[in-house]
Every structure is written in structure tokens, then in C-alpha cells.
Amino acid sequence: MTRFGSLLTMIRIIARHGTRRSGDIAIHKADVFLGRIRPELAAALRQVEPAVPPIDMPALRSLPEGSFGRAYARFLDGNGLHPFVVTELTEPEVLHRNLHWARYAVVHDMFHVLLGAGSDLAGEAKVYAFTLAQRISWVFWPWLPVAAVVLPLLAPHRVGAMVRGFRAGYAAGRRMPLLMAVRLEDRFGDALDDVRRSLRLPAPEGARALEPAERTA
């Protein structure tokens, strides 16, 4: 399927299903507008097949308090989010071509939990900087000057927190291997602190790091 074909498919999915098939929409949008996978990243992602695993939210909610999976489920529930799902509406060829974007969508909210980054602008700045340092894709870099101008305008009282989050996220991303190529979903049953230690991630500052927050707070 060509990029134009992916665009038409995306339009058909939206017309028939609205946003209920957001995973399929995201994959086709990536196929149309975003860059292709780097060879070294493709090789690394072969270690995590399936790159888009099924995630059982009721099972995660029942895990012990303090576990990675329980914290991940709480983050999703607290922010009105759902695990990333790709259905039969996405052809295997299109998914394979955009496997890195699919995997990034799967692990993005796991990054939030592991980094102790909330859903507010400071938390998003931390995860964004982590993504830059991990060299997932060049397409994130052109947005850096835009973010540097827009985010302080949205929340001028949070500039200090955003800068601190950005610095912490970038430092964490530089000192560890590609986290997208780690089967984080296999660690859901482990204690969150143990998972962080094994990945050489520091414990987040403050107990409120993962509490739901307003997006513009």
C-alpha cells in the first residue's frame, strides 16, 4: 500500500468508525506523514515481538499495590486513556512499515510511569526530552523550538517545572539503552521500584508525580 492508499484508508476508518479505532488511525497517519523505520531500530524491535501486545486492564488493576502494572493501569484510568490497539483494519504490511511508531504508542504511557512523569505539561516535557535522547526518530526534533515557545505561554507559572523535567528526562534517556526495545510489558508484575532500578532510572521526586493532572496545568 502506498502513502496515498494509507491516506484513503485512514479517511475511510474515520468515516465509518470515528475515533473508536484510534490505533488504526494513528498507524495510517504515521504511514502518510512520518518517517520510515531506521534499520538499527528495526533490528532492535525484533526482540519485542509482538510489538503491540494485548494488554488486560482488569488483570493490571488487580496486581499488588506498588507493582509496575498497577501503576500503569492507574495512570491510564486517571487520565481517561486506554492501551494502544491495532485491529484487522490495518494491513500487516502497513503495520510492519510503521512498527516503531506502533511500539512507541504502546510504551509512551509506560515511559510516563517509569519516569514518574505526570500528564501535565511538565510531565510531557520530561517524556519528550527522554524521547529525544533515545533517538527514536528525527521527526521529534523540529518540534523542540515550537515547544520552547508555546509551552511557557500555556503555563508561565510552570516554566521552572518544565525545564527541570526536560533536563531530567534528557539525562535519563542518554544514560540508558533504547527502552522501546525492552519488553516492559513482561515486568508488569514486578515492583515499580525494582523495574526502575534494573533500568538505572532514579526514583521520581515527590509523591504526586503520577497523579492525574490537568493538561495545561
N, C-alpha and C. Protein backbone atom coordinates (compact mmCIF):
# COMPACT_ATOMS: atom_id res chain seq x y z
N MET A 1 0.84 -1.20 0.00
CA MET A 1 0.00 0.00 0.00
C MET A 1 0.87 1.25 0.00
N THR A 2 0.55 2.20 -0.85
CA THR A 2 1.29 3.45 -0.93
C THR A 2 0.83 4.40 0.18
N ARG A 3 1.56 5.52 0.31
CA ARG A 3 1.16 6.53 1.30
C ARG A 3 -0.23 7.09 0.97
N PHE A 4 -0.47 7.28 -0.31
CA PHE A 4 -1.79 7.78 -0.71
C PHE A 4 -2.87 6.77 -0.35
N GLY A 5 -2.56 5.49 -0.54
CA GLY A 5 -3.50 4.45 -0.16
C GLY A 5 -3.76 4.45 1.34
N SER A 6 -2.72 4.69 2.13
CA SER A 6 -2.89 4.77 3.58
C SER A 6 -3.76 5.96 3.96
N LEU A 7 -3.59 7.08 3.23
CA LEU A 7 -4.41 8.26 3.50
C LEU A 7 -5.88 7.95 3.24
N LEU A 8 -6.17 7.29 2.13
CA LEU A 8 -7.56 6.94 1.82
C LEU A 8 -8.13 5.98 2.86
N THR A 9 -7.31 5.01 3.27
CA THR A 9 -7.77 4.06 4.28
C THR A 9 -8.06 4.77 5.60
N MET A 10 -7.20 5.69 5.98
CA MET A 10 -7.41 6.44 7.22
C MET A 10 -8.72 7.22 7.16
N ILE A 11 -9.00 7.84 6.02
CA ILE A 11 -10.24 8.60 5.86
C ILE A 11 -11.45 7.67 5.98
N ARG A 12 -11.35 6.48 5.37
CA ARG A 12 -12.47 5.53 5.45
C ARG A 12 -12.69 5.06 6.88
N ILE A 13 -11.60 4.81 7.62
CA ILE A 13 -11.74 4.36 9.01
C ILE A 13 -12.43 5.43 9.85
N ILE A 14 -12.00 6.68 9.66
CA ILE A 14 -12.61 7.78 10.42
C ILE A 14 -14.09 7.92 10.06
N ALA A 15 -14.40 7.79 8.77
CA ALA A 15 -15.79 7.96 8.33
C ALA A 15 -16.69 6.86 8.89
N ARG A 16 -16.17 5.64 8.97
CA ARG A 16 -17.01 4.52 9.40
C ARG A 16 -17.01 4.32 10.92
N HIS A 17 -15.88 4.62 11.57
CA HIS A 17 -15.73 4.26 12.99
C HIS A 17 -15.47 5.46 13.90
N GLY A 18 -15.30 6.64 13.33
CA GLY A 18 -14.95 7.78 14.16
C GLY A 18 -13.60 7.57 14.82
N THR A 19 -13.50 7.93 16.09
CA THR A 19 -12.23 7.76 16.81
C THR A 19 -12.16 6.45 17.59
N ARG A 20 -13.16 5.56 17.39
CA ARG A 20 -13.16 4.29 18.13
C ARG A 20 -12.00 3.39 17.72
N ARG A 21 -11.48 3.59 16.54
CA ARG A 21 -10.32 2.81 16.06
C ARG A 21 -9.10 3.73 16.01
N SER A 22 -8.81 4.37 17.13
CA SER A 22 -7.74 5.37 17.16
C SER A 22 -6.37 4.76 16.86
N GLY A 23 -6.15 3.50 17.24
CA GLY A 23 -4.87 2.86 16.94
C GLY A 23 -4.64 2.71 15.46
N ASP A 24 -5.66 2.25 14.75
CA ASP A 24 -5.55 2.10 13.29
C ASP A 24 -5.36 3.46 12.62
N ILE A 25 -6.09 4.46 13.12
CA ILE A 25 -5.94 5.81 12.56
C ILE A 25 -4.51 6.30 12.75
N ALA A 26 -3.97 6.09 13.95
CA ALA A 26 -2.61 6.57 14.24
C ALA A 26 -1.57 5.90 13.35
N ILE A 27 -1.71 4.61 13.11
CA ILE A 27 -0.75 3.90 12.26
C ILE A 27 -0.80 4.41 10.83
N HIS A 28 -1.99 4.60 10.29
CA HIS A 28 -2.09 5.09 8.91
C HIS A 28 -1.63 6.54 8.82
N LYS A 29 -1.90 7.34 9.85
CA LYS A 29 -1.39 8.72 9.84
C LYS A 29 0.13 8.73 9.85
N ALA A 30 0.73 7.83 10.64
CA ALA A 30 2.19 7.74 10.66
C ALA A 30 2.72 7.31 9.30
N ASP A 31 2.01 6.40 8.65
CA ASP A 31 2.45 5.91 7.34
C ASP A 31 2.44 7.03 6.30
N VAL A 32 1.50 7.96 6.46
CA VAL A 32 1.38 9.05 5.50
C VAL A 32 2.38 10.17 5.79
N PHE A 33 2.51 10.54 7.06
CA PHE A 33 3.20 11.79 7.39
C PHE A 33 4.57 11.62 8.06
N LEU A 34 4.85 10.49 8.66
CA LEU A 34 6.06 10.36 9.45
C LEU A 34 7.12 9.52 8.74
N GLY A 35 8.32 9.52 9.31
CA GLY A 35 9.46 8.87 8.67
C GLY A 35 9.44 7.36 8.80
N ARG A 36 10.19 6.71 7.95
CA ARG A 36 10.31 5.26 7.96
C ARG A 36 11.25 4.81 9.08
N ILE A 37 11.21 3.53 9.37
CA ILE A 37 11.99 2.97 10.45
C ILE A 37 13.47 2.89 10.09
N ARG A 38 14.34 3.21 11.07
CA ARG A 38 15.77 3.07 10.88
C ARG A 38 16.14 1.59 10.94
N PRO A 39 17.11 1.13 10.12
CA PRO A 39 17.47 -0.29 10.12
C PRO A 39 17.88 -0.81 11.49
N GLU A 40 18.66 -0.02 12.26
CA GLU A 40 19.09 -0.50 13.57
C GLU A 40 17.93 -0.58 14.55
N LEU A 41 16.95 0.30 14.38
CA LEU A 41 15.77 0.24 15.24
C LEU A 41 14.90 -0.94 14.87
N ALA A 42 14.81 -1.24 13.58
CA ALA A 42 14.05 -2.41 13.14
C ALA A 42 14.64 -3.68 13.72
N ALA A 43 15.96 -3.77 13.73
CA ALA A 43 16.62 -4.95 14.30
C ALA A 43 16.34 -5.06 15.80
N ALA A 44 16.38 -3.93 16.49
CA ALA A 44 16.15 -3.94 17.94
C ALA A 44 14.71 -4.34 18.26
N LEU A 45 13.76 -3.91 17.45
CA LEU A 45 12.36 -4.19 17.73
C LEU A 45 11.99 -5.65 17.50
N ARG A 46 12.85 -6.39 16.78
CA ARG A 46 12.57 -7.81 16.62
C ARG A 46 12.65 -8.55 17.95
N GLN A 47 13.28 -7.93 18.95
CA GLN A 47 13.39 -8.55 20.27
C GLN A 47 12.09 -8.44 21.07
N VAL A 48 11.17 -7.62 20.63
CA VAL A 48 9.98 -7.37 21.44
C VAL A 48 8.69 -7.83 20.75
N GLU A 49 8.79 -8.71 19.78
CA GLU A 49 7.59 -9.18 19.11
C GLU A 49 6.71 -9.97 20.09
N PRO A 50 5.39 -9.74 20.10
CA PRO A 50 4.70 -8.74 19.28
C PRO A 50 4.91 -7.33 19.81
N ALA A 51 5.17 -6.41 18.90
CA ALA A 51 5.45 -5.04 19.30
C ALA A 51 4.22 -4.35 19.89
N VAL A 52 3.03 -4.83 19.49
CA VAL A 52 1.78 -4.30 20.04
C VAL A 52 1.08 -5.43 20.78
N PRO A 53 1.44 -5.65 22.04
CA PRO A 53 0.87 -6.78 22.79
C PRO A 53 -0.53 -6.49 23.28
N PRO A 54 -1.33 -7.53 23.47
CA PRO A 54 -2.64 -7.30 24.13
C PRO A 54 -2.41 -6.97 25.60
N ILE A 55 -3.13 -5.98 26.11
CA ILE A 55 -2.96 -5.56 27.50
C ILE A 55 -4.30 -5.71 28.21
N ASP A 56 -4.30 -6.52 29.24
CA ASP A 56 -5.50 -6.85 30.01
C ASP A 56 -5.63 -5.88 31.18
N MET A 57 -6.44 -4.84 31.01
CA MET A 57 -6.56 -3.83 32.05
C MET A 57 -7.15 -4.37 33.35
N PRO A 58 -8.19 -5.20 33.34
CA PRO A 58 -8.68 -5.74 34.61
C PRO A 58 -7.60 -6.51 35.37
N ALA A 59 -6.77 -7.26 34.63
CA ALA A 59 -5.70 -8.01 35.29
C ALA A 59 -4.67 -7.05 35.89
N LEU A 60 -4.35 -5.97 35.19
CA LEU A 60 -3.39 -5.00 35.72
C LEU A 60 -3.94 -4.31 36.96
N ARG A 61 -5.23 -4.00 36.95
CA ARG A 61 -5.84 -3.34 38.12
C ARG A 61 -5.83 -4.23 39.35
N SER A 62 -5.76 -5.55 39.14
CA SER A 62 -5.79 -6.47 40.27
C SER A 62 -4.39 -6.81 40.80
N LEU A 63 -3.36 -6.28 40.15
CA LEU A 63 -2.00 -6.54 40.62
C LEU A 63 -1.75 -5.85 41.96
N PRO A 64 -0.74 -6.30 42.71
CA PRO A 64 -0.48 -5.70 44.03
C PRO A 64 -0.14 -4.21 43.94
N GLU A 65 -0.50 -3.50 44.96
CA GLU A 65 -0.13 -2.10 45.06
C GLU A 65 1.40 -1.98 45.03
N GLY A 66 1.90 -1.01 44.31
CA GLY A 66 3.34 -0.82 44.18
C GLY A 66 3.96 -1.52 43.00
N SER A 67 3.16 -2.34 42.27
CA SER A 67 3.68 -3.02 41.08
C SER A 67 3.66 -2.08 39.89
N PHE A 68 4.50 -2.36 38.92
CA PHE A 68 4.56 -1.55 37.70
C PHE A 68 3.23 -1.57 36.96
N GLY A 69 2.64 -2.77 36.81
CA GLY A 69 1.38 -2.89 36.08
C GLY A 69 0.25 -2.14 36.75
N ARG A 70 0.20 -2.20 38.09
CA ARG A 70 -0.87 -1.48 38.81
C ARG A 70 -0.70 0.04 38.63
N ALA A 71 0.54 0.51 38.69
CA ALA A 71 0.80 1.94 38.49
C ALA A 71 0.46 2.37 37.07
N TYR A 72 0.75 1.52 36.10
CA TYR A 72 0.43 1.82 34.70
C TYR A 72 -1.08 1.91 34.51
N ALA A 73 -1.81 0.94 35.06
CA ALA A 73 -3.27 0.95 34.95
C ALA A 73 -3.85 2.19 35.63
N ARG A 74 -3.30 2.57 36.78
CA ARG A 74 -3.80 3.75 37.47
C ARG A 74 -3.55 5.01 36.64
N PHE A 75 -2.39 5.08 35.99
CA PHE A 75 -2.10 6.25 35.15
C PHE A 75 -3.10 6.35 34.00
N LEU A 76 -3.36 5.23 33.33
CA LEU A 76 -4.31 5.26 32.22
C LEU A 76 -5.71 5.63 32.72
N ASP A 77 -6.16 4.97 33.77
CA ASP A 77 -7.50 5.23 34.28
C ASP A 77 -7.65 6.68 34.76
N GLY A 78 -6.64 7.17 35.44
CA GLY A 78 -6.71 8.51 36.00
C GLY A 78 -6.72 9.60 34.96
N ASN A 79 -6.24 9.28 33.76
CA ASN A 79 -6.17 10.29 32.70
C ASN A 79 -7.11 9.99 31.53
N GLY A 80 -8.04 9.04 31.75
CA GLY A 80 -9.01 8.72 30.70
C GLY A 80 -8.39 8.13 29.46
N LEU A 81 -7.32 7.33 29.62
CA LEU A 81 -6.59 6.76 28.49
C LEU A 81 -6.85 5.26 28.39
N HIS A 82 -6.47 4.69 27.25
CA HIS A 82 -6.64 3.26 27.00
C HIS A 82 -5.37 2.71 26.37
N PRO A 83 -5.10 1.41 26.53
CA PRO A 83 -3.94 0.83 25.85
C PRO A 83 -4.07 0.96 24.34
N PHE A 84 -2.93 1.03 23.67
CA PHE A 84 -2.90 1.17 22.22
C PHE A 84 -3.27 -0.16 21.58
N VAL A 85 -4.22 -0.13 20.64
CA VAL A 85 -4.73 -1.33 19.99
C VAL A 85 -4.74 -1.12 18.48
N VAL A 86 -4.24 -2.11 17.74
CA VAL A 86 -4.33 -2.11 16.28
C VAL A 86 -5.19 -3.30 15.88
N THR A 87 -6.16 -3.08 14.98
CA THR A 87 -7.10 -4.13 14.62
C THR A 87 -6.84 -4.62 13.18
N GLU A 88 -7.78 -5.46 12.72
CA GLU A 88 -7.67 -6.01 11.37
C GLU A 88 -7.82 -4.95 10.29
N LEU A 89 -8.20 -3.73 10.66
CA LEU A 89 -8.32 -2.66 9.68
C LEU A 89 -6.96 -2.18 9.17
N THR A 90 -5.90 -2.54 9.89
CA THR A 90 -4.54 -2.18 9.47
C THR A 90 -3.88 -3.38 8.83
N GLU A 91 -3.49 -3.26 7.59
CA GLU A 91 -2.84 -4.36 6.89
C GLU A 91 -1.47 -4.64 7.52
N PRO A 92 -1.07 -5.92 7.57
CA PRO A 92 0.24 -6.28 8.15
C PRO A 92 1.39 -5.50 7.53
N GLU A 93 1.32 -5.26 6.22
CA GLU A 93 2.38 -4.51 5.54
C GLU A 93 2.52 -3.10 6.10
N VAL A 94 1.39 -2.45 6.35
CA VAL A 94 1.40 -1.09 6.88
C VAL A 94 1.91 -1.08 8.32
N LEU A 95 1.46 -2.04 9.11
CA LEU A 95 1.94 -2.12 10.50
C LEU A 95 3.44 -2.38 10.54
N HIS A 96 3.92 -3.29 9.72
CA HIS A 96 5.35 -3.59 9.71
C HIS A 96 6.17 -2.38 9.31
N ARG A 97 5.68 -1.61 8.37
CA ARG A 97 6.38 -0.42 7.89
C ARG A 97 6.46 0.65 8.97
N ASN A 98 5.53 0.61 9.90
CA ASN A 98 5.45 1.64 10.94
C ASN A 98 5.55 1.03 12.33
N LEU A 99 6.30 -0.06 12.43
CA LEU A 99 6.36 -0.79 13.68
C LEU A 99 6.93 0.05 14.82
N HIS A 100 7.89 0.93 14.48
CA HIS A 100 8.47 1.75 15.54
C HIS A 100 7.46 2.74 16.10
N TRP A 101 6.57 3.27 15.23
CA TRP A 101 5.55 4.19 15.72
C TRP A 101 4.51 3.46 16.54
N ALA A 102 4.19 2.24 16.12
CA ALA A 102 3.24 1.44 16.91
C ALA A 102 3.83 1.12 18.28
N ARG A 103 5.10 0.73 18.30
CA ARG A 103 5.72 0.40 19.58
C ARG A 103 5.84 1.64 20.46
N TYR A 104 6.14 2.76 19.87
CA TYR A 104 6.23 3.99 20.66
C TYR A 104 4.87 4.32 21.28
N ALA A 105 3.80 4.14 20.52
CA ALA A 105 2.47 4.39 21.07
C ALA A 105 2.16 3.45 22.23
N VAL A 106 2.64 2.21 22.15
CA VAL A 106 2.43 1.24 23.23
C VAL A 106 3.15 1.67 24.50
N VAL A 107 4.40 2.09 24.36
CA VAL A 107 5.23 2.32 25.55
C VAL A 107 5.23 3.76 26.05
N HIS A 108 4.62 4.69 25.31
CA HIS A 108 4.68 6.09 25.71
C HIS A 108 4.18 6.29 27.15
N ASP A 109 3.03 5.74 27.46
CA ASP A 109 2.49 5.93 28.80
C ASP A 109 3.26 5.12 29.84
N MET A 110 3.90 4.04 29.41
CA MET A 110 4.80 3.32 30.33
C MET A 110 6.00 4.19 30.68
N PHE A 111 6.48 4.97 29.70
CA PHE A 111 7.56 5.92 29.99
C PHE A 111 7.13 6.90 31.07
N HIS A 112 5.91 7.39 30.97
CA HIS A 112 5.40 8.31 31.99
C HIS A 112 5.52 7.70 33.38
N VAL A 113 5.10 6.44 33.50
CA VAL A 113 5.11 5.77 34.81
C VAL A 113 6.54 5.57 35.29
N LEU A 114 7.40 5.06 34.44
CA LEU A 114 8.77 4.77 34.85
C LEU A 114 9.55 6.04 35.20
N LEU A 115 9.27 7.12 34.49
CA LEU A 115 9.96 8.38 34.75
C LEU A 115 9.30 9.18 35.87
N GLY A 116 8.15 8.70 36.35
CA GLY A 116 7.43 9.48 37.35
C GLY A 116 6.92 10.78 36.79
N ALA A 117 6.54 10.77 35.52
CA ALA A 117 6.11 11.98 34.82
C ALA A 117 4.60 12.00 34.73
N GLY A 118 3.98 13.03 35.29
CA GLY A 118 2.54 13.15 35.23
C GLY A 118 2.06 13.52 33.84
N SER A 119 0.76 13.75 33.72
CA SER A 119 0.18 14.09 32.42
C SER A 119 0.11 15.59 32.19
N ASP A 120 0.66 16.38 33.11
CA ASP A 120 0.69 17.83 32.92
C ASP A 120 1.81 18.21 31.97
N LEU A 121 1.98 19.48 31.69
CA LEU A 121 2.98 19.92 30.72
C LEU A 121 4.40 19.60 31.18
N ALA A 122 4.66 19.68 32.49
CA ALA A 122 5.99 19.34 32.99
C ALA A 122 6.29 17.86 32.76
N GLY A 123 5.28 17.01 32.97
CA GLY A 123 5.46 15.59 32.72
C GLY A 123 5.66 15.28 31.25
N GLU A 124 4.88 15.95 30.40
CA GLU A 124 5.05 15.72 28.96
C GLU A 124 6.42 16.22 28.48
N ALA A 125 6.92 17.31 29.07
CA ALA A 125 8.25 17.80 28.71
C ALA A 125 9.31 16.78 29.09
N LYS A 126 9.13 16.12 30.22
CA LYS A 126 10.09 15.11 30.66
C LYS A 126 10.13 13.92 29.70
N VAL A 127 8.95 13.43 29.31
CA VAL A 127 8.90 12.29 28.39
C VAL A 127 9.37 12.69 27.00
N TYR A 128 9.05 13.90 26.57
CA TYR A 128 9.51 14.38 25.27
C TYR A 128 11.03 14.44 25.22
N ALA A 129 11.65 14.97 26.27
CA ALA A 129 13.11 15.05 26.32
C ALA A 129 13.72 13.66 26.35
N PHE A 130 13.11 12.74 27.08
CA PHE A 130 13.57 11.35 27.12
C PHE A 130 13.54 10.75 25.72
N THR A 131 12.47 11.02 24.98
CA THR A 131 12.33 10.51 23.62
C THR A 131 13.41 11.09 22.70
N LEU A 132 13.71 12.37 22.85
CA LEU A 132 14.78 12.98 22.06
C LEU A 132 16.11 12.29 22.33
N ALA A 133 16.42 12.09 23.60
CA ALA A 133 17.71 11.50 23.97
C ALA A 133 17.82 10.04 23.51
N GLN A 134 16.68 9.36 23.40
CA GLN A 134 16.69 7.96 22.97
C GLN A 134 16.86 7.81 21.45
N ARG A 135 16.80 8.95 20.74
CA ARG A 135 17.00 8.97 19.29
C ARG A 135 16.00 8.05 18.58
N ILE A 136 14.74 8.12 18.99
CA ILE A 136 13.71 7.28 18.39
C ILE A 136 13.44 7.70 16.95
N SER A 137 13.38 9.01 16.71
CA SER A 137 13.16 9.50 15.35
C SER A 137 13.55 10.97 15.27
N TRP A 138 14.04 11.36 14.11
CA TRP A 138 14.41 12.76 13.89
C TRP A 138 13.19 13.67 13.89
N VAL A 139 11.99 13.11 13.63
CA VAL A 139 10.82 13.98 13.47
C VAL A 139 10.43 14.68 14.77
N PHE A 140 10.93 14.21 15.92
CA PHE A 140 10.64 14.89 17.18
C PHE A 140 11.42 16.20 17.31
N TRP A 141 12.58 16.28 16.68
CA TRP A 141 13.46 17.44 16.89
C TRP A 141 12.91 18.75 16.36
N PRO A 142 12.27 18.80 15.17
CA PRO A 142 11.76 20.10 14.70
C PRO A 142 10.72 20.72 15.62
N TRP A 143 10.10 19.92 16.48
CA TRP A 143 9.10 20.46 17.40
C TRP A 143 9.71 21.09 18.64
N LEU A 144 11.01 20.91 18.83
CA LEU A 144 11.64 21.44 20.04
C LEU A 144 11.54 22.97 20.13
N PRO A 145 11.90 23.74 19.07
CA PRO A 145 11.75 25.21 19.19
C PRO A 145 10.30 25.63 19.34
N VAL A 146 9.38 24.88 18.73
CA VAL A 146 7.96 25.21 18.87
C VAL A 146 7.54 25.03 20.33
N ALA A 147 7.94 23.90 20.91
CA ALA A 147 7.60 23.63 22.31
C ALA A 147 8.22 24.67 23.23
N ALA A 148 9.45 25.09 22.92
CA ALA A 148 10.14 26.06 23.76
C ALA A 148 9.41 27.41 23.79
N VAL A 149 8.69 27.71 22.72
CA VAL A 149 7.96 28.98 22.66
C VAL A 149 6.53 28.83 23.20
N VAL A 150 5.86 27.75 22.80
CA VAL A 150 4.44 27.61 23.10
C VAL A 150 4.18 27.20 24.55
N LEU A 151 4.94 26.24 25.07
CA LEU A 151 4.63 25.72 26.41
C LEU A 151 4.71 26.80 27.50
N PRO A 152 5.73 27.67 27.50
CA PRO A 152 5.73 28.73 28.52
C PRO A 152 4.54 29.68 28.40
N LEU A 153 4.02 29.84 27.20
CA LEU A 153 2.85 30.69 27.03
C LEU A 153 1.60 30.02 27.61
N LEU A 154 1.54 28.70 27.49
CA LEU A 154 0.38 27.98 28.01
C LEU A 154 0.36 27.94 29.53
N ALA A 155 1.54 27.82 30.13
CA ALA A 155 1.60 27.71 31.59
C ALA A 155 2.85 28.43 32.10
N PRO A 156 2.86 29.77 32.11
CA PRO A 156 4.05 30.51 32.53
C PRO A 156 4.47 30.21 33.97
N HIS A 157 3.50 29.85 34.82
CA HIS A 157 3.82 29.55 36.22
C HIS A 157 4.49 28.19 36.37
N ARG A 158 4.54 27.39 35.29
CA ARG A 158 5.13 26.05 35.35
C ARG A 158 6.43 25.94 34.56
N VAL A 159 6.99 27.07 34.14
CA VAL A 159 8.20 27.04 33.32
C VAL A 159 9.34 26.33 34.05
N GLY A 160 9.54 26.67 35.33
CA GLY A 160 10.61 26.04 36.08
C GLY A 160 10.46 24.53 36.14
N ALA A 161 9.24 24.06 36.40
CA ALA A 161 9.00 22.62 36.47
C ALA A 161 9.22 21.96 35.11
N MET A 162 8.83 22.65 34.03
CA MET A 162 9.04 22.08 32.70
C MET A 162 10.52 21.98 32.36
N VAL A 163 11.29 22.99 32.72
CA VAL A 163 12.74 22.96 32.46
C VAL A 163 13.39 21.84 33.25
N ARG A 164 13.03 21.71 34.53
CA ARG A 164 13.60 20.64 35.35
C ARG A 164 13.21 19.27 34.79
N GLY A 165 11.96 19.14 34.38
CA GLY A 165 11.52 17.88 33.80
C GLY A 165 12.25 17.55 32.52
N PHE A 166 12.43 18.56 31.66
CA PHE A 166 13.14 18.34 30.40
C PHE A 166 14.57 17.88 30.66
N ARG A 167 15.26 18.54 31.58
CA ARG A 167 16.64 18.16 31.88
C ARG A 167 16.73 16.75 32.44
N ALA A 168 15.83 16.42 33.34
CA ALA A 168 15.85 15.08 33.95
C ALA A 168 15.53 14.02 32.91
N GLY A 169 14.56 14.27 32.05
CA GLY A 169 14.19 13.30 31.03
C GLY A 169 15.30 13.08 30.02
N TYR A 170 15.97 14.16 29.62
CA TYR A 170 17.04 14.03 28.64
C TYR A 170 18.22 13.26 29.23
N ALA A 171 18.54 13.56 30.49
CA ALA A 171 19.65 12.86 31.14
C ALA A 171 19.34 11.37 31.27
N ALA A 172 18.11 11.04 31.63
CA ALA A 172 17.73 9.63 31.77
C ALA A 172 17.80 8.91 30.42
N GLY A 173 17.34 9.57 29.37
CA GLY A 173 17.35 8.95 28.05
C GLY A 173 18.74 8.71 27.51
N ARG A 174 19.69 9.56 27.86
CA ARG A 174 21.05 9.42 27.35
C ARG A 174 21.81 8.28 28.03
N ARG A 175 21.50 8.00 29.30
CA ARG A 175 22.33 7.04 30.02
C ARG A 175 21.81 5.60 29.94
N MET A 176 20.77 5.38 29.15
CA MET A 176 20.28 4.01 29.08
C MET A 176 20.05 3.59 27.63
N PRO A 177 20.05 2.28 27.37
CA PRO A 177 19.81 1.79 26.01
C PRO A 177 18.38 2.05 25.58
N LEU A 178 18.08 1.74 24.34
CA LEU A 178 16.78 2.02 23.75
C LEU A 178 15.68 1.28 24.51
N LEU A 179 14.84 2.03 25.20
CA LEU A 179 13.82 1.42 26.05
C LEU A 179 12.67 0.85 25.23
N MET A 180 12.48 1.33 24.01
CA MET A 180 11.45 0.76 23.14
C MET A 180 11.71 -0.71 22.84
N ALA A 181 12.97 -1.11 22.89
CA ALA A 181 13.36 -2.48 22.56
C ALA A 181 13.40 -3.38 23.79
N VAL A 182 12.84 -2.92 24.89
CA VAL A 182 12.74 -3.72 26.11
C VAL A 182 11.29 -4.14 26.29
N ARG A 183 11.08 -5.40 26.60
CA ARG A 183 9.71 -5.89 26.80
C ARG A 183 9.20 -5.45 28.18
N LEU A 184 8.85 -4.19 28.26
CA LEU A 184 8.40 -3.63 29.54
C LEU A 184 7.14 -4.33 30.03
N GLU A 185 6.31 -4.79 29.10
CA GLU A 185 5.07 -5.46 29.49
C GLU A 185 5.32 -6.75 30.26
N ASP A 186 6.51 -7.33 30.12
CA ASP A 186 6.84 -8.53 30.88
C ASP A 186 7.14 -8.22 32.35
N ARG A 187 7.29 -6.95 32.67
CA ARG A 187 7.63 -6.56 34.04
C ARG A 187 6.44 -6.01 34.82
N PHE A 188 5.24 -6.13 34.27
CA PHE A 188 4.07 -5.56 34.94
C PHE A 188 3.89 -6.08 36.36
N GLY A 189 4.22 -7.34 36.59
CA GLY A 189 4.02 -7.93 37.91
C GLY A 189 5.10 -7.58 38.91
N ASP A 190 6.18 -6.96 38.47
CA ASP A 190 7.29 -6.61 39.36
C ASP A 190 7.04 -5.29 40.07
N ALA A 191 7.71 -5.11 41.18
CA ALA A 191 7.61 -3.85 41.91
C ALA A 191 8.15 -2.72 41.04
N LEU A 192 7.45 -1.62 41.02
CA LEU A 192 7.85 -0.48 40.18
C LEU A 192 9.25 -0.02 40.53
N ASP A 193 9.57 0.04 41.79
CA ASP A 193 10.91 0.49 42.20
C ASP A 193 11.98 -0.47 41.68
N ASP A 194 11.68 -1.77 41.68
CA ASP A 194 12.65 -2.75 41.17
C ASP A 194 12.86 -2.59 39.67
N VAL A 195 11.78 -2.33 38.95
CA VAL A 195 11.90 -2.12 37.50
C VAL A 195 12.75 -0.89 37.22
N ARG A 196 12.50 0.19 37.96
CA ARG A 196 13.31 1.39 37.77
C ARG A 196 14.78 1.12 38.05
N ARG A 197 15.07 0.43 39.14
CA ARG A 197 16.48 0.14 39.47
C ARG A 197 17.14 -0.69 38.38
N SER A 198 16.43 -1.68 37.85
CA SER A 198 17.03 -2.54 36.83
C SER A 198 17.31 -1.78 35.54
N LEU A 199 16.55 -0.71 35.31
CA LEU A 199 16.74 0.11 34.11
C LEU A 199 17.65 1.32 34.38
N ARG A 200 18.16 1.42 35.59
CA ARG A 200 19.04 2.53 36.01
C ARG A 200 18.31 3.88 35.96
N LEU A 201 17.03 3.83 36.30
CA LEU A 201 16.24 5.05 36.38
C LEU A 201 16.11 5.47 37.83
N PRO A 202 16.31 6.74 38.13
CA PRO A 202 16.17 7.20 39.51
C PRO A 202 14.71 7.24 39.93
N ALA A 203 14.46 7.10 41.21
CA ALA A 203 13.11 7.26 41.73
C ALA A 203 12.68 8.70 41.52
N PRO A 204 11.44 8.93 41.10
CA PRO A 204 10.99 10.31 40.84
C PRO A 204 10.91 11.11 42.12
N GLU A 205 11.05 12.41 41.98
CA GLU A 205 10.94 13.30 43.12
C GLU A 205 9.48 13.59 43.42
N GLY A 206 9.10 13.47 44.66
CA GLY A 206 7.75 13.84 45.07
C GLY A 206 6.77 12.70 44.91
N ALA A 207 5.81 12.63 45.78
CA ALA A 207 4.84 11.55 45.76
C ALA A 207 3.72 11.78 44.76
N ARG A 208 3.61 12.99 44.19
CA ARG A 208 2.48 13.31 43.33
C ARG A 208 2.81 13.16 41.85
N ALA A 209 3.96 12.53 41.55
CA ALA A 209 4.42 12.51 40.17
C ALA A 209 3.42 11.91 39.19
N LEU A 210 2.65 10.90 39.64
CA LEU A 210 1.77 10.20 38.71
C LEU A 210 0.31 10.47 38.97
N GLU A 211 0.00 11.46 39.78
CA GLU A 211 -1.40 11.78 39.97
C GLU A 211 -1.95 12.44 38.71
N PRO A 212 -3.22 12.17 38.37
CA PRO A 212 -3.81 12.83 37.20
C PRO A 212 -3.70 14.35 37.35
N ALA A 213 -3.41 15.01 36.25
CA ALA A 213 -3.26 16.47 36.29
C ALA A 213 -3.90 17.07 35.06
N GLU A 214 -4.28 18.31 35.17
CA GLU A 214 -4.81 19.00 34.01
C GLU A 214 -3.73 19.15 32.96
N ARG A 215 -4.08 18.99 31.69
CA ARG A 215 -3.10 19.04 30.62
C ARG A 215 -2.42 20.39 30.51
N THR A 216 -3.06 21.44 30.90
CA THR A 216 -2.46 22.75 30.77
C THR A 216 -2.03 23.32 32.10
N ALA A 217 -2.00 22.47 33.14
CA ALA A 217 -1.62 22.97 34.47
C ALA A 217 -0.13 23.18 34.59
